[in-house]
Amino acid sequence: MQYFLTVPHDSATEPTMESETELDPVGFEQLIAGIDAFNKDLEESGAFRFAGGLQPPSTAKTVDGDAVLDEPFVVAEAYVGGFWVIETETEEDAIRWAQRASRVLQSRIEVRALQ
C-alpha cells in the first residue's frame, strides 16, 4: 500500500529554504545530511516513490473555474511543508519510516494511506 507522509509547519513562521539557511550553519548542515541519509535509506529499501518540499501557503494560487485567486485554498494554523509518498507492506512499516523522519526533522509527521 502507498502512504503519504507529510511534514506540517506552523503557518505563522512559513519557513523556506532561504530562511532555513539563516539557522546555525552546522545545525542546518546536520539537518540536510540527516534528510539525505533518510532519503537514501528509503530509496535503497524500495519503499521510496517520490518526495518534495512545498513553498509556503502565501505563494499559493487557488483556481476556481476561470478565476485564479492569490491565496491558499484553506487558511490554517499549520500547512504541509513537505512530503514523501512511500510504498510499504504494512501500515506499521510506514509508521516506522515516519518515526525515523520525525526524529531527523524534529517534527511531527502525518501518515495517511492513499486510496
Protein backbone atom coordinates (compact mmCIF):
# COMPACT_ATOMS: atom_id res chain seq x y z
CA MET A 1 0.00 0.00 0.00
CA GLN A 2 1.15 3.55 -0.63
CA TYR A 3 1.33 6.12 2.15
CA PHE A 4 1.56 9.90 2.16
CA LEU A 5 3.93 11.17 4.86
CA THR A 6 3.54 14.89 5.43
CA VAL A 7 5.64 17.40 7.33
CA PRO A 8 3.48 20.07 9.00
CA HIS A 9 4.76 23.60 9.55
CA ASP A 10 3.39 26.40 11.70
CA SER A 11 1.84 28.88 9.26
CA ALA A 12 2.99 31.82 11.39
CA THR A 13 6.64 31.20 10.51
CA GLU A 14 6.38 29.95 6.92
CA PRO A 15 9.93 28.54 6.72
CA THR A 16 11.59 28.44 3.31
CA MET A 17 14.94 27.09 2.16
CA GLU A 18 16.23 30.66 2.37
CA SER A 19 15.10 31.13 5.98
CA GLU A 20 16.39 27.68 6.90
CA THR A 21 19.88 28.67 5.77
CA GLU A 22 19.77 31.53 8.28
CA LEU A 23 19.82 28.95 11.06
CA ASP A 24 23.02 27.80 12.71
CA PRO A 25 25.10 26.62 9.71
CA VAL A 26 26.32 23.48 11.48
CA GLY A 27 22.80 22.59 12.59
CA PHE A 28 21.45 23.21 9.10
CA GLU A 29 24.16 21.01 7.53
CA GLN A 30 23.36 18.25 10.03
CA LEU A 31 19.66 18.54 9.20
CA ILE A 32 20.30 18.27 5.45
CA ALA A 33 22.69 15.34 5.99
CA GLY A 34 20.05 13.58 8.09
CA ILE A 35 17.39 14.11 5.44
CA ASP A 36 19.76 12.90 2.70
CA ALA A 37 20.59 9.76 4.71
CA PHE A 38 16.90 9.11 5.36
CA ASN A 39 16.04 9.54 1.67
CA LYS A 40 18.93 7.26 0.62
CA ASP A 41 17.81 4.52 3.02
CA LEU A 42 14.22 4.92 1.88
CA GLU A 43 15.31 4.56 -1.77
CA GLU A 44 17.56 1.57 -1.04
CA SER A 45 14.70 -0.18 0.79
CA GLY A 46 12.49 0.09 -2.30
CA ALA A 47 9.80 1.99 -0.37
CA PHE A 48 10.54 5.40 -1.93
CA ARG A 49 8.15 6.57 -4.65
CA PHE A 50 8.67 10.36 -4.65
CA ALA A 51 9.02 13.31 -2.32
CA GLY A 52 9.14 17.06 -2.34
CA GLY A 53 9.16 20.26 -0.41
CA LEU A 54 6.47 22.88 -0.86
CA GLN A 55 6.67 26.64 -0.89
CA PRO A 56 4.66 28.33 1.89
CA PRO A 57 0.92 28.98 1.53
CA SER A 58 1.48 32.68 0.88
CA THR A 59 2.73 31.66 -2.59
CA ALA A 60 -0.35 29.53 -3.37
CA LYS A 61 -2.86 30.11 -6.12
CA THR A 62 -6.37 28.69 -5.95
CA VAL A 63 -8.13 28.03 -9.24
CA ASP A 64 -11.92 28.02 -9.27
CA GLY A 65 -13.12 27.57 -12.81
CA ASP A 66 -11.72 30.57 -14.69
CA ALA A 67 -10.93 32.54 -11.51
CA VAL A 68 -7.37 32.48 -10.17
CA LEU A 69 -7.00 33.66 -6.59
CA ASP A 70 -3.69 34.65 -4.98
CA GLU A 71 -4.36 32.70 -1.81
CA PRO A 72 -4.30 29.19 -0.40
CA PHE A 73 -7.40 27.02 -0.67
CA VAL A 74 -7.57 26.77 3.13
CA VAL A 75 -6.25 29.24 5.68
CA ALA A 76 -5.00 27.20 8.64
CA GLU A 77 -2.71 27.31 11.66
CA ALA A 78 -0.43 24.73 10.05
CA TYR A 79 0.31 23.66 6.50
CA VAL A 80 2.12 20.89 4.65
CA GLY A 81 5.72 21.93 4.12
CA GLY A 82 6.98 18.74 2.51
CA PHE A 83 6.03 15.15 1.84
CA TRP A 84 7.06 11.64 0.86
CA VAL A 85 4.99 9.06 -0.95
CA ILE A 86 6.21 5.63 0.07
CA GLU A 87 5.07 2.06 -0.53
CA THR A 88 5.24 -0.48 2.27
CA GLU A 89 3.72 -3.87 3.02
CA THR A 90 2.04 -2.69 6.21
CA GLU A 91 0.91 0.48 7.96
CA GLU A 92 3.34 -0.40 10.75
CA ASP A 93 6.23 -0.20 8.26
CA ALA A 94 5.01 3.22 7.10
CA ILE A 95 4.81 4.36 10.71
CA ARG A 96 8.39 3.19 11.33
CA TRP A 97 9.57 5.31 8.39
CA ALA A 98 7.55 8.25 9.73
CA GLN A 99 9.10 7.82 13.18
CA ARG A 100 12.55 7.97 11.65
CA ALA A 101 11.64 11.05 9.59
CA SER A 102 10.19 12.66 12.72
CA ARG A 103 13.45 12.12 14.61
CA VAL A 104 15.53 13.53 11.72
CA LEU A 105 13.34 16.61 11.26
CA GLN A 106 12.45 17.00 14.93
CA SER A 107 8.89 17.48 13.75
CA ARG A 108 5.56 15.70 13.65
CA ILE A 109 4.90 13.55 10.59
CA GLU A 110 1.39 12.64 9.48
CA VAL A 111 0.85 9.21 7.89
CA ARG A 112 -2.10 8.67 5.57
CA ALA A 113 -2.84 5.79 3.24
CA LEU A 114 -3.54 6.61 -0.40
CA GLN A 115 -6.74 5.23 -1.88
